[in-house]
Amino acid sequence: MGGMATGSAELRAPTPDAVRRPLVIAVVGPTATGKSALGVDLALALSERGSPSEIINADSMQIYRGMDVGTAKLTADERRGVTHHLLDIWSVTRTASVADYQRHARARLDAIIAGGGVPIIVGGSGLYVRAVIDRLEFPGTDDRLRAELEAELLALGAPALHTRLAAVDPAAAAAILPTNGRRIVRALEVIALTGKPFTAALPSYDSVYDDRYDLVQLGLDLPPDDLDARIDERTRQMFDAGLIDEVRTLEQAGLRDGRTASRALGYQQVLAMVDGLLTEPEARAETAQATRRFVRRQRSWFRRDPRIHWLSPAPDLLARALTTIRVGGAG
């Protein structure tokens, strides 16, 4: 992980007989690797070099208003004046939809490009990232089938349906947490409707990106032991910074009714603590453990994409990222 992956992500300056397409950057990878900070650093550096840049959030939980501490959402000061899109746009009662996110994100991306800017997609929600950068279409829904699957979810529980999913689409099961009943139901619904694995809806990695622009994906990762230590520290900081109070406030805003938000890492464990099912030390420990499991799934998802250029967090990270991107003379 110590340096750039093989392959050329270098984007050369336009020649007199060729017009370069707009540039899009994505910063991806597991939780707690420093993606948000790198996104801001890149946006500022590129803007200083004449390529005004704005960030499009691709963290499925930072979309929710009020979910700040538990998602490590950058504060206004930490954003350092860089425009961030798709933060705080939905109530915690709203069920997340990748298709809805895709529509919003692509509109923002197109607007930034139209204004002469460089969009930087930042986040660790792999399906959200691919929904923006790849030609990805989502099958419709069937109300009757969805109701049947949700009834089974209530009766049998998410782990039982996850086991069923693993039998018919191991790749999808590997990418979805066994506790994420909503996504499990959606995967089973798509399989039933299409007769194909849920993962078959994803374009192959050797397909071209949206042909309107050039894209460079930068991936951040750390050795597992180092990342585990970061997760433990982040969990401690979240609880010390007021995660419990944040969850209690969001509970009054309907958090328990939000089928997506209520299952977010940390929020689910604090709700269990509020219900007397966990002590605070147990909630802290379970949050860290669940995050480590989630990180393994993130790593598996992103490592399958050979188009990502991997970088390890270090003091010279920004310089290495700019060298990889090579926006004309901006590197």
C-alpha atoms as a PDB file:
ATOM      1  CA  MET A   1       0.000   0.000   0.000  1.00  0.00           C
ATOM      2  CA  GLY A   2       2.958   2.296   0.409  1.00  0.00           C
ATOM      3  CA  GLY A   3       2.758   3.987  -2.958  1.00  0.00           C
ATOM      4  CA  MET A   4       0.891   4.328  -6.175  1.00  0.00           C
ATOM      5  CA  ALA A   5      -0.629   1.358  -7.877  1.00  0.00           C
ATOM      6  CA  THR A   6       0.691   0.344 -11.252  1.00  0.00           C
ATOM      7  CA  GLY A   7      -0.912   1.864 -14.290  1.00  0.00           C
ATOM      8  CA  SER A   8      -1.010   5.429 -15.472  1.00  0.00           C
ATOM      9  CA  ALA A   9      -3.502   7.897 -14.031  1.00  0.00           C
ATOM     10  CA  GLU A  10      -1.589  10.790 -15.556  1.00  0.00           C
ATOM     11  CA  LEU A  11      -3.791  13.179 -17.476  1.00  0.00           C
ATOM     12  CA  ARG A  12      -1.703  15.160 -19.927  1.00  0.00           C
ATOM     13  CA  ALA A  13      -2.363  18.736 -20.969  1.00  0.00           C
ATOM     14  CA  PRO A  14      -4.445  19.167 -24.139  1.00  0.00           C
ATOM     15  CA  THR A  15      -2.617  19.318 -27.439  1.00  0.00           C
ATOM     16  CA  PRO A  16      -3.532  21.742 -30.254  1.00  0.00           C
ATOM     17  CA  ASP A  17      -5.354  19.025 -32.186  1.00  0.00           C
ATOM     18  CA  ALA A  18      -7.162  17.459 -29.261  1.00  0.00           C
ATOM     19  CA  VAL A  19      -9.585  18.806 -26.677  1.00  0.00           C
ATOM     20  CA  ARG A  20      -9.222  17.290 -23.244  1.00  0.00           C
ATOM     21  CA  ARG A  21     -12.413  16.210 -21.548  1.00  0.00           C
ATOM     22  CA  PRO A  22     -13.354  17.606 -18.120  1.00  0.00           C
ATOM     23  CA  LEU A  23     -11.677  16.002 -15.121  1.00  0.00           C
ATOM     24  CA  VAL A  24     -13.464  14.284 -12.231  1.00  0.00           C
ATOM     25  CA  ILE A  25     -11.635  12.994  -9.153  1.00  0.00           C
ATOM     26  CA  ALA A  26     -12.853  10.406  -6.640  1.00  0.00           C
ATOM     27  CA  VAL A  27     -11.261   9.840  -3.221  1.00  0.00           C
ATOM     28  CA  VAL A  28     -12.361   6.449  -1.906  1.00  0.00           C
ATOM     29  CA  GLY A  29     -11.392   3.724   0.548  1.00  0.00           C
ATOM     30  CA  PRO A  30     -12.228   2.398   4.010  1.00  0.00           C
ATOM     31  CA  THR A  31     -13.488   4.431   6.938  1.00  0.00           C
ATOM     32  CA  ALA A  32     -10.943   6.361   9.054  1.00  0.00           C
ATOM     33  CA  THR A  33      -8.246   6.652   6.388  1.00  0.00           C
ATOM     34  CA  GLY A  34      -8.438  10.425   5.966  1.00  0.00           C
ATOM     35  CA  LYS A  35     -10.508  10.755   2.782  1.00  0.00           C
ATOM     36  CA  SER A  36     -12.400  13.879   3.873  1.00  0.00           C
ATOM     37  CA  ALA A  37      -9.235  15.771   4.771  1.00  0.00           C
ATOM     38  CA  LEU A  38      -7.521  14.801   1.511  1.00  0.00           C
ATOM     39  CA  GLY A  39     -10.585  15.916  -0.432  1.00  0.00           C
ATOM     40  CA  VAL A  40     -10.366  19.384   1.106  1.00  0.00           C
ATOM     41  CA  ASP A  41      -6.594  19.578   0.580  1.00  0.00           C
ATOM     42  CA  LEU A  42      -7.009  18.609  -3.070  1.00  0.00           C
ATOM     43  CA  ALA A  43      -9.814  21.082  -3.652  1.00  0.00           C
ATOM     44  CA  LEU A  44      -7.751  23.941  -2.228  1.00  0.00           C
ATOM     45  CA  ALA A  45      -4.597  22.932  -4.086  1.00  0.00           C
ATOM     46  CA  LEU A  46      -6.343  22.535  -7.418  1.00  0.00           C
ATOM     47  CA  SER A  47      -8.254  25.790  -6.972  1.00  0.00           C
ATOM     48  CA  GLU A  48      -4.970  27.615  -6.320  1.00  0.00           C
ATOM     49  CA  ARG A  49      -3.656  26.146  -9.579  1.00  0.00           C
ATOM     50  CA  GLY A  50      -6.551  27.455 -11.613  1.00  0.00           C
ATOM     51  CA  SER A  51      -8.889  24.436 -11.441  1.00  0.00           C
ATOM     52  CA  PRO A  52     -11.701  25.491  -9.053  1.00  0.00           C
ATOM     53  CA  SER A  53     -12.858  22.405  -7.201  1.00  0.00           C
ATOM     54  CA  GLU A  54     -15.923  21.413  -5.185  1.00  0.00           C
ATOM     55  CA  ILE A  55     -16.662  18.241  -3.224  1.00  0.00           C
ATOM     56  CA  ILE A  56     -19.568  15.853  -3.694  1.00  0.00           C
ATOM     57  CA  ASN A  57     -20.220  13.720  -0.626  1.00  0.00           C
ATOM     58  CA  ALA A  58     -20.401   9.955  -1.216  1.00  0.00           C
ATOM     59  CA  ASP A  59     -20.907   8.857   2.387  1.00  0.00           C
ATOM     60  CA  SER A  60     -24.409   7.424   2.663  1.00  0.00           C
ATOM     61  CA  MET A  61     -24.840   8.573   6.267  1.00  0.00           C
ATOM     62  CA  GLN A  62     -23.418  12.094   5.995  1.00  0.00           C
ATOM     63  CA  ILE A  63     -26.383  12.839   3.755  1.00  0.00           C
ATOM     64  CA  TYR A  64     -28.559  12.967   6.895  1.00  0.00           C
ATOM     65  CA  ARG A  65     -29.094  16.182   8.830  1.00  0.00           C
ATOM     66  CA  GLY A  66     -27.884  16.041  12.404  1.00  0.00           C
ATOM     67  CA  MET A  67     -25.751  12.921  11.982  1.00  0.00           C
ATOM     68  CA  ASP A  68     -22.519  14.774  12.550  1.00  0.00           C
ATOM     69  CA  VAL A  69     -20.480  13.319  15.406  1.00  0.00           C
ATOM     70  CA  GLY A  70     -21.148   9.683  14.593  1.00  0.00           C
ATOM     71  CA  THR A  71     -20.282  10.050  10.903  1.00  0.00           C
ATOM     72  CA  ALA A  72     -17.146  12.169  11.461  1.00  0.00           C
ATOM     73  CA  LYS A  73     -18.694  14.845   9.266  1.00  0.00           C
ATOM     74  CA  LEU A  74     -16.328  17.759   8.730  1.00  0.00           C
ATOM     75  CA  THR A  75     -17.271  20.914  10.581  1.00  0.00           C
ATOM     76  CA  ALA A  76     -17.642  24.201   8.708  1.00  0.00           C
ATOM     77  CA  ASP A  77     -14.154  25.215   9.875  1.00  0.00           C
ATOM     78  CA  GLU A  78     -12.666  21.899   8.731  1.00  0.00           C
ATOM     79  CA  ARG A  79     -14.156  22.393   5.261  1.00  0.00           C
ATOM     80  CA  ARG A  80     -11.971  25.530   5.006  1.00  0.00           C
ATOM     81  CA  GLY A  81     -14.277  27.318   2.633  1.00  0.00           C
ATOM     82  CA  VAL A  82     -14.512  24.448   0.127  1.00  0.00           C
ATOM     83  CA  THR A  83     -18.049  23.949  -1.169  1.00  0.00           C
ATOM     84  CA  HIS A  84     -19.470  20.549  -0.166  1.00  0.00           C
ATOM     85  CA  HIS A  85     -22.526  19.109  -1.895  1.00  0.00           C
ATOM     86  CA  LEU A  86     -24.997  16.454  -0.643  1.00  0.00           C
ATOM     87  CA  LEU A  87     -24.321  16.925   3.046  1.00  0.00           C
ATOM     88  CA  ASP A  88     -27.327  17.326   5.358  1.00  0.00           C
ATOM     89  CA  ILE A  89     -29.947  17.023   2.626  1.00  0.00           C
ATOM     90  CA  TRP A  90     -32.282  14.397   4.107  1.00  0.00           C
ATOM     91  CA  SER A  91     -34.170  13.936   7.350  1.00  0.00           C
ATOM     92  CA  VAL A  92     -33.182  10.901   9.430  1.00  0.00           C
ATOM     93  CA  THR A  93     -36.680   9.523   8.831  1.00  0.00           C
ATOM     94  CA  ARG A  94     -36.065   9.154   5.090  1.00  0.00           C
ATOM     95  CA  THR A  95     -35.041   5.763   3.730  1.00  0.00           C
ATOM     96  CA  ALA A  96     -31.887   6.023   1.658  1.00  0.00           C
ATOM     97  CA  SER A  97     -32.078   5.311  -2.056  1.00  0.00           C
ATOM     98  CA  VAL A  98     -28.998   4.938  -4.232  1.00  0.00           C
ATOM     99  CA  ALA A  99     -31.094   5.873  -7.261  1.00  0.00           C
ATOM    100  CA  ASP A 100     -32.155   9.142  -5.579  1.00  0.00           C
ATOM    101  CA  TYR A 101     -28.577   9.851  -4.575  1.00  0.00           C
ATOM    102  CA  GLN A 102     -27.388   9.137  -8.116  1.00  0.00           C
ATOM    103  CA  ARG A 103     -29.811  11.668  -9.557  1.00  0.00           C
ATOM    104  CA  HIS A 104     -28.728  14.387  -7.123  1.00  0.00           C
ATOM    105  CA  ALA A 105     -25.014  13.627  -7.398  1.00  0.00           C
ATOM    106  CA  ARG A 106     -24.921  13.562 -11.185  1.00  0.00           C
ATOM    107  CA  ALA A 107     -26.792  16.866 -11.320  1.00  0.00           C
ATOM    108  CA  ARG A 108     -24.219  18.425  -8.993  1.00  0.00           C
ATOM    109  CA  LEU A 109     -21.345  16.916 -10.966  1.00  0.00           C
ATOM    110  CA  ASP A 110     -22.720  18.285 -14.246  1.00  0.00           C
ATOM    111  CA  ALA A 111     -23.233  21.735 -12.723  1.00  0.00           C
ATOM    112  CA  ILE A 112     -19.673  21.908 -11.382  1.00  0.00           C
ATOM    113  CA  ILE A 113     -18.240  20.872 -14.748  1.00  0.00           C
ATOM    114  CA  ALA A 114     -20.471  23.346 -16.575  1.00  0.00           C
ATOM    115  CA  GLY A 115     -19.070  26.079 -14.361  1.00  0.00           C
ATOM    116  CA  GLY A 116     -15.528  25.134 -15.309  1.00  0.00           C
ATOM    117  CA  GLY A 117     -14.756  23.351 -12.040  1.00  0.00           C
ATOM    118  CA  VAL A 118     -13.368  19.971 -11.003  1.00  0.00           C
ATOM    119  CA  PRO A 119     -15.768  17.787  -9.004  1.00  0.00           C
ATOM    120  CA  ILE A 120     -14.153  15.696  -6.260  1.00  0.00           C
ATOM    121  CA  ILE A 121     -16.290  12.762  -5.120  1.00  0.00           C
ATOM    122  CA  VAL A 122     -15.344  11.811  -1.563  1.00  0.00           C
ATOM    123  CA  GLY A 123     -16.643   8.882   0.456  1.00  0.00           C
ATOM    124  CA  GLY A 124     -16.521   5.248   1.414  1.00  0.00           C
ATOM    125  CA  SER A 125     -19.961   4.100   0.253  1.00  0.00           C
ATOM    126  CA  GLY A 126     -18.861   2.020  -2.709  1.00  0.00           C
ATOM    127  CA  LEU A 127     -22.197   1.672  -4.463  1.00  0.00           C
ATOM    128  CA  TYR A 128     -22.800   5.412  -4.179  1.00  0.00           C
ATOM    129  CA  VAL A 129     -19.444   6.126  -5.817  1.00  0.00           C
ATOM    130  CA  ARG A 130     -20.072   3.721  -8.684  1.00  0.00           C
ATOM    131  CA  ALA A 131     -23.578   5.138  -9.143  1.00  0.00           C
ATOM    132  CA  VAL A 132     -21.957   8.458 -10.032  1.00  0.00           C
ATOM    133  CA  ILE A 133     -18.900   7.438 -12.041  1.00  0.00           C
ATOM    134  CA  ASP A 134     -20.157   4.374 -13.949  1.00  0.00           C
ATOM    135  CA  ARG A 135     -23.086   3.670 -16.244  1.00  0.00           C
ATOM    136  CA  LEU A 136     -25.221   2.153 -13.535  1.00  0.00           C
ATOM    137  CA  GLU A 137     -28.987   1.724 -13.820  1.00  0.00           C
ATOM    138  CA  PHE A 138     -31.193   0.450 -11.022  1.00  0.00           C
ATOM    139  CA  PRO A 139     -34.068  -2.005 -11.548  1.00  0.00           C
ATOM    140  CA  GLY A 140     -37.505  -0.868 -10.454  1.00  0.00           C
ATOM    141  CA  THR A 141     -39.401  -2.146  -7.456  1.00  0.00           C
ATOM    142  CA  ASP A 142     -42.362  -4.457  -6.976  1.00  0.00           C
ATOM    143  CA  ASP A 143     -44.584  -3.369  -4.090  1.00  0.00           C
ATOM    144  CA  ARG A 144     -46.033  -6.843  -3.469  1.00  0.00           C
ATOM    145  CA  LEU A 145     -42.647  -8.560  -3.512  1.00  0.00           C
ATOM    146  CA  ARG A 146     -41.091  -5.845  -1.372  1.00  0.00           C
ATOM    147  CA  ALA A 147     -43.883  -6.210   1.213  1.00  0.00           C
ATOM    148  CA  GLU A 148     -43.377  -9.981   1.324  1.00  0.00           C
ATOM    149  CA  LEU A 149     -39.641  -9.642   1.855  1.00  0.00           C
ATOM    150  CA  GLU A 150     -40.065  -6.973   4.522  1.00  0.00           C
ATOM    151  CA  ALA A 151     -42.544  -9.211   6.339  1.00  0.00           C
ATOM    152  CA  GLU A 152     -39.951 -11.987   6.279  1.00  0.00           C
ATOM    153  CA  LEU A 153     -37.371  -9.539   7.569  1.00  0.00           C
ATOM    154  CA  LEU A 154     -39.572  -8.758  10.559  1.00  0.00           C
ATOM    155  CA  ALA A 155     -40.375 -12.400  11.198  1.00  0.00           C
ATOM    156  CA  LEU A 156     -36.964 -13.982  10.625  1.00  0.00           C
ATOM    157  CA  GLY A 157     -34.479 -11.168  11.127  1.00  0.00           C
ATOM    158  CA  ALA A 158     -31.776  -9.712   8.899  1.00  0.00           C
ATOM    159  CA  PRO A 159     -29.145 -12.443   9.518  1.00  0.00           C
ATOM    160  CA  ALA A 160     -31.502 -15.144   8.221  1.00  0.00           C
ATOM    161  CA  LEU A 161     -32.181 -13.231   5.017  1.00  0.00           C
ATOM    162  CA  HIS A 162     -28.478 -12.506   4.699  1.00  0.00           C
ATOM    163  CA  THR A 163     -27.813 -16.247   4.758  1.00  0.00           C
ATOM    164  CA  ARG A 164     -30.332 -16.657   1.938  1.00  0.00           C
ATOM    165  CA  LEU A 165     -28.637 -13.885  -0.028  1.00  0.00           C
ATOM    166  CA  ALA A 166     -25.228 -15.515   0.451  1.00  0.00           C
ATOM    167  CA  ALA A 167     -26.570 -18.695  -1.138  1.00  0.00           C
ATOM    168  CA  VAL A 168     -27.705 -16.953  -4.330  1.00  0.00           C
ATOM    169  CA  ASP A 169     -25.246 -14.059  -4.601  1.00  0.00           C
ATOM    170  CA  PRO A 170     -22.121 -14.475  -2.451  1.00  0.00           C
ATOM    171  CA  ALA A 171     -20.570 -11.255  -3.800  1.00  0.00           C
ATOM    172  CA  ALA A 172     -23.564  -9.185  -2.750  1.00  0.00           C
ATOM    173  CA  ALA A 173     -23.638 -10.830   0.673  1.00  0.00           C
ATOM    174  CA  ALA A 174     -19.958 -10.050   1.140  1.00  0.00           C
ATOM    175  CA  ALA A 175     -20.619  -6.373   0.467  1.00  0.00           C
ATOM    176  CA  ILE A 176     -23.694  -6.022   2.710  1.00  0.00           C
ATOM    177  CA  LEU A 177     -23.610  -6.187   6.493  1.00  0.00           C
ATOM    178  CA  PRO A 178     -25.752  -9.021   7.939  1.00  0.00           C
ATOM    179  CA  THR A 179     -27.553  -6.398  10.041  1.00  0.00           C
ATOM    180  CA  ASN A 180     -28.505  -4.183   7.096  1.00  0.00           C
ATOM    181  CA  GLY A 181     -31.986  -5.535   6.522  1.00  0.00           C
ATOM    182  CA  ARG A 182     -33.001  -2.812   4.069  1.00  0.00           C
ATOM    183  CA  ARG A 183     -30.157  -3.500   1.657  1.00  0.00           C
ATOM    184  CA  ILE A 184     -30.577  -7.267   1.992  1.00  0.00           C
ATOM    185  CA  VAL A 185     -34.244  -6.952   1.084  1.00  0.00           C
ATOM    186  CA  ARG A 186     -33.388  -4.785  -1.903  1.00  0.00           C
ATOM    187  CA  ALA A 187     -30.792  -7.274  -3.142  1.00  0.00           C
ATOM    188  CA  LEU A 188     -33.225 -10.178  -2.854  1.00  0.00           C
ATOM    189  CA  GLU A 189     -35.899  -8.109  -4.599  1.00  0.00           C
ATOM    190  CA  VAL A 190     -33.618  -7.336  -7.549  1.00  0.00           C
ATOM    191  CA  ILE A 191     -32.592 -10.988  -7.833  1.00  0.00           C
ATOM    192  CA  ALA A 192     -36.228 -12.087  -7.859  1.00  0.00           C
ATOM    193  CA  LEU A 193     -37.217  -9.450 -10.426  1.00  0.00           C
ATOM    194  CA  THR A 194     -34.314  -9.924 -12.825  1.00  0.00           C
ATOM    195  CA  GLY A 195     -33.402 -13.559 -12.323  1.00  0.00           C
ATOM    196  CA  LYS A 196     -29.791 -12.427 -12.039  1.00  0.00           C
ATOM    197  CA  PRO A 197     -27.429 -11.783  -9.122  1.00  0.00           C
ATOM    198  CA  PHE A 198     -27.771  -8.367  -7.553  1.00  0.00           C
ATOM    199  CA  THR A 199     -24.129  -7.700  -8.423  1.00  0.00           C
ATOM    200  CA  ALA A 200     -24.877  -8.357 -12.101  1.00  0.00           C
ATOM    201  CA  ALA A 201     -26.439  -4.899 -12.205  1.00  0.00           C
ATOM    202  CA  LEU A 202     -22.968  -3.422 -11.750  1.00  0.00           C
ATOM    203  CA  PRO A 203     -20.987  -2.759 -14.926  1.00  0.00           C
ATOM    204  CA  SER A 204     -17.718  -4.624 -15.234  1.00  0.00           C
ATOM    205  CA  TYR A 205     -14.591  -2.834 -14.104  1.00  0.00           C
ATOM    206  CA  ASP A 206     -13.133  -2.918 -17.594  1.00  0.00           C
ATOM    207  CA  SER A 207     -16.000  -0.846 -18.909  1.00  0.00           C
ATOM    208  CA  VAL A 208     -15.241   2.785 -19.613  1.00  0.00           C
ATOM    209  CA  TYR A 209     -16.377   5.510 -17.282  1.00  0.00           C
ATOM    210  CA  ASP A 210     -19.010   7.975 -18.347  1.00  0.00           C
ATOM    211  CA  ASP A 211     -17.434   9.087 -21.622  1.00  0.00           C
ATOM    212  CA  ARG A 212     -18.111  12.777 -21.015  1.00  0.00           C
ATOM    213  CA  TYR A 213     -15.106  13.172 -18.706  1.00  0.00           C
ATOM    214  CA  ASP A 214     -11.789  11.731 -17.551  1.00  0.00           C
ATOM    215  CA  LEU A 215     -11.729  10.333 -14.058  1.00  0.00           C
ATOM    216  CA  VAL A 216      -8.978   9.488 -11.583  1.00  0.00           C
ATOM    217  CA  GLN A 217      -9.826   7.420  -8.505  1.00  0.00           C
ATOM    218  CA  LEU A 218      -7.502   7.770  -5.526  1.00  0.00           C
ATOM    219  CA  GLY A 219      -7.824   5.073  -2.865  1.00  0.00           C
ATOM    220  CA  LEU A 220      -6.609   5.507   0.721  1.00  0.00           C
ATOM    221  CA  ASP A 221      -5.842   2.515   2.900  1.00  0.00           C
ATOM    222  CA  LEU A 222      -3.689   1.436   5.829  1.00  0.00           C
ATOM    223  CA  PRO A 223      -2.404  -1.905   7.151  1.00  0.00           C
ATOM    224  CA  PRO A 224      -5.209  -3.610   9.120  1.00  0.00           C
ATOM    225  CA  ASP A 225      -3.534  -3.194  12.533  1.00  0.00           C
ATOM    226  CA  ASP A 226      -2.974   0.518  11.965  1.00  0.00           C
ATOM    227  CA  LEU A 227      -6.526   1.027  10.761  1.00  0.00           C
ATOM    228  CA  ASP A 228      -7.946  -0.929  13.717  1.00  0.00           C
ATOM    229  CA  ALA A 229      -6.097   1.440  16.044  1.00  0.00           C
ATOM    230  CA  ARG A 230      -7.545   4.441  14.190  1.00  0.00           C
ATOM    231  CA  ILE A 231     -11.049   2.978  14.479  1.00  0.00           C
ATOM    232  CA  ASP A 232     -10.654   2.484  18.222  1.00  0.00           C
ATOM    233  CA  GLU A 233      -9.470   6.080  18.609  1.00  0.00           C
ATOM    234  CA  ARG A 234     -12.216   7.448  16.383  1.00  0.00           C
ATOM    235  CA  THR A 235     -14.843   5.550  18.386  1.00  0.00           C
ATOM    236  CA  ARG A 236     -13.472   6.961  21.632  1.00  0.00           C
ATOM    237  CA  GLN A 237     -13.487  10.473  20.207  1.00  0.00           C
ATOM    238  CA  MET A 238     -17.062  10.136  18.919  1.00  0.00           C
ATOM    239  CA  PHE A 239     -18.437   9.067  22.273  1.00  0.00           C
ATOM    240  CA  ASP A 240     -16.380  11.694  24.110  1.00  0.00           C
ATOM    241  CA  ALA A 241     -17.554  14.379  21.653  1.00  0.00           C
ATOM    242  CA  GLY A 242     -21.224  13.776  22.408  1.00  0.00           C
ATOM    243  CA  LEU A 243     -22.469  10.898  20.254  1.00  0.00           C
ATOM    244  CA  ILE A 244     -24.925   9.802  22.949  1.00  0.00           C
ATOM    245  CA  ASP A 245     -26.453  13.292  23.191  1.00  0.00           C
ATOM    246  CA  GLU A 246     -26.597  13.491  19.388  1.00  0.00           C
ATOM    247  CA  VAL A 247     -28.528  10.216  19.215  1.00  0.00           C
ATOM    248  CA  ARG A 248     -30.948  11.363  21.933  1.00  0.00           C
ATOM    249  CA  THR A 249     -31.593  14.569  19.986  1.00  0.00           C
ATOM    250  CA  LEU A 250     -32.118  12.681  16.727  1.00  0.00           C
ATOM    251  CA  GLU A 251     -34.410  10.245  18.522  1.00  0.00           C
ATOM    252  CA  GLN A 252     -36.755  13.165  19.126  1.00  0.00           C
ATOM    253  CA  ALA A 253     -36.561  13.943  15.391  1.00  0.00           C
ATOM    254  CA  GLY A 254     -37.682  10.432  14.464  1.00  0.00           C
ATOM    255  CA  LEU A 255     -34.405   8.514  14.234  1.00  0.00           C
ATOM    256  CA  ARG A 256     -36.057   5.262  15.256  1.00  0.00           C
ATOM    257  CA  ASP A 257     -38.455   5.585  12.315  1.00  0.00           C
ATOM    258  CA  GLY A 258     -35.583   5.939   9.860  1.00  0.00           C
ATOM    259  CA  ARG A 259     -34.928   2.509   8.424  1.00  0.00           C
ATOM    260  CA  THR A 260     -31.521   3.602   7.134  1.00  0.00           C
ATOM    261  CA  ALA A 261     -30.284   6.161   9.635  1.00  0.00           C
ATOM    262  CA  SER A 262     -31.220   4.131  12.730  1.00  0.00           C
ATOM    263  CA  ARG A 263     -28.910   1.320  11.587  1.00  0.00           C
ATOM    264  CA  ALA A 264     -25.856   3.522  11.104  1.00  0.00           C
ATOM    265  CA  LEU A 265     -22.684   2.491  12.904  1.00  0.00           C
ATOM    266  CA  GLY A 266     -22.671   3.949  16.393  1.00  0.00           C
ATOM    267  CA  TYR A 267     -26.276   5.131  16.227  1.00  0.00           C
ATOM    268  CA  GLN A 268     -27.644   1.598  16.321  1.00  0.00           C
ATOM    269  CA  GLN A 269     -25.448   0.761  19.314  1.00  0.00           C
ATOM    270  CA  VAL A 270     -26.379   3.924  21.232  1.00  0.00           C
ATOM    271  CA  LEU A 271     -30.075   3.285  20.629  1.00  0.00           C
ATOM    272  CA  ALA A 272     -29.562  -0.180  22.115  1.00  0.00           C
ATOM    273  CA  MET A 273     -27.850   1.474  25.079  1.00  0.00           C
ATOM    274  CA  VAL A 274     -30.762   3.879  25.526  1.00  0.00           C
ATOM    275  CA  ASP A 275     -33.080   0.860  25.525  1.00  0.00           C
ATOM    276  CA  GLY A 276     -31.039  -0.758  28.298  1.00  0.00           C
ATOM    277  CA  LEU A 277     -29.773  -3.556  26.060  1.00  0.00           C
ATOM    278  CA  LEU A 278     -26.142  -2.425  26.272  1.00  0.00           C
ATOM    279  CA  THR A 279     -24.047  -0.553  28.796  1.00  0.00           C
ATOM    280  CA  GLU A 280     -22.045   2.421  27.551  1.00  0.00           C
ATOM    281  CA  PRO A 281     -18.754   0.446  27.551  1.00  0.00           C
ATOM    282  CA  GLU A 282     -20.513  -2.313  25.608  1.00  0.00           C
ATOM    283  CA  ALA A 283     -21.922   0.215  23.125  1.00  0.00           C
ATOM    284  CA  ARG A 284     -18.445   1.644  22.594  1.00  0.00           C
ATOM    285  CA  ALA A 285     -16.915  -1.805  22.098  1.00  0.00           C
ATOM    286  CA  GLU A 286     -19.666  -2.962  19.742  1.00  0.00           C
ATOM    287  CA  THR A 287     -19.389   0.230  17.685  1.00  0.00           C
ATOM    288  CA  ALA A 288     -15.665  -0.307  17.204  1.00  0.00           C
ATOM    289  CA  GLN A 289     -16.138  -3.980  16.364  1.00  0.00           C
ATOM    290  CA  ALA A 290     -18.953  -3.288  13.890  1.00  0.00           C
ATOM    291  CA  THR A 291     -16.829  -0.599  12.254  1.00  0.00           C
ATOM    292  CA  ARG A 292     -13.935  -3.026  11.844  1.00  0.00           C
ATOM    293  CA  ARG A 293     -16.274  -5.510  10.142  1.00  0.00           C
ATOM    294  CA  PHE A 294     -17.597  -2.751   7.901  1.00  0.00           C
ATOM    295  CA  VAL A 295     -14.057  -1.688   6.970  1.00  0.00           C
ATOM    296  CA  ARG A 296     -13.239  -5.227   5.843  1.00  0.00           C
ATOM    297  CA  ARG A 297     -16.235  -5.101   3.504  1.00  0.00           C
ATOM    298  CA  GLN A 298     -15.249  -1.672   2.220  1.00  0.00           C
ATOM    299  CA  ARG A 299     -11.720  -2.865   1.543  1.00  0.00           C
ATOM    300  CA  SER A 300     -13.006  -5.934  -0.293  1.00  0.00           C
ATOM    301  CA  TRP A 301     -15.334  -3.787  -2.411  1.00  0.00           C
ATOM    302  CA  PHE A 302     -12.784  -1.176  -3.435  1.00  0.00           C
ATOM    303  CA  ARG A 303      -9.861  -3.570  -3.895  1.00  0.00           C
ATOM    304  CA  ARG A 304     -11.812  -5.359  -6.618  1.00  0.00           C
ATOM    305  CA  ASP A 305     -11.665  -2.217  -8.764  1.00  0.00           C
ATOM    306  CA  PRO A 306      -8.356  -2.242 -10.689  1.00  0.00           C
ATOM    307  CA  ARG A 307      -8.908   1.358 -11.778  1.00  0.00           C
ATOM    308  CA  ILE A 308      -8.177   2.759  -8.317  1.00  0.00           C
ATOM    309  CA  HIS A 309      -4.713   4.180  -7.615  1.00  0.00           C
ATOM    310  CA  TRP A 310      -3.863   3.330  -4.005  1.00  0.00           C
ATOM    311  CA  LEU A 311      -2.014   5.721  -1.716  1.00  0.00           C
ATOM    312  CA  SER A 312      -1.037   5.322   1.922  1.00  0.00           C
ATOM    313  CA  PRO A 313      -1.688   8.254   4.276  1.00  0.00           C
ATOM    314  CA  ALA A 314       1.602  10.018   5.043  1.00  0.00           C
ATOM    315  CA  PRO A 315       2.884  13.597   5.346  1.00  0.00           C
ATOM    316  CA  ASP A 316       3.480  13.808   1.580  1.00  0.00           C
ATOM    317  CA  LEU A 317       0.048  12.452   0.681  1.00  0.00           C
ATOM    318  CA  LEU A 318      -1.169  15.610  -1.043  1.00  0.00           C
ATOM    319  CA  ALA A 319       1.941  15.838  -3.209  1.00  0.00           C
ATOM    320  CA  ARG A 320       1.612  12.194  -4.247  1.00  0.00           C
ATOM    321  CA  ALA A 321      -2.083  12.655  -4.994  1.00  0.00           C
ATOM    322  CA  LEU A 322      -1.398  15.686  -7.175  1.00  0.00           C
ATOM    323  CA  THR A 323       1.356  13.824  -8.997  1.00  0.00           C
ATOM    324  CA  THR A 324      -1.084  11.019  -9.699  1.00  0.00           C
ATOM    325  CA  ILE A 325      -3.748  13.357 -10.998  1.00  0.00           C
ATOM    326  CA  ARG A 326      -1.582  15.608 -13.154  1.00  0.00           C
ATOM    327  CA  VAL A 327      -4.163  18.230 -14.016  1.00  0.00           C
ATOM    328  CA  GLY A 328      -2.197  19.863 -16.791  1.00  0.00           C
ATOM    329  CA  GLY A 329       0.487  21.812 -14.940  1.00  0.00           C
ATOM    330  CA  ALA A 330      -1.289  21.604 -11.567  1.00  0.00           C
ATOM    331  CA  GLY A 331       0.777  18.663 -10.351  1.00  0.00           C
END
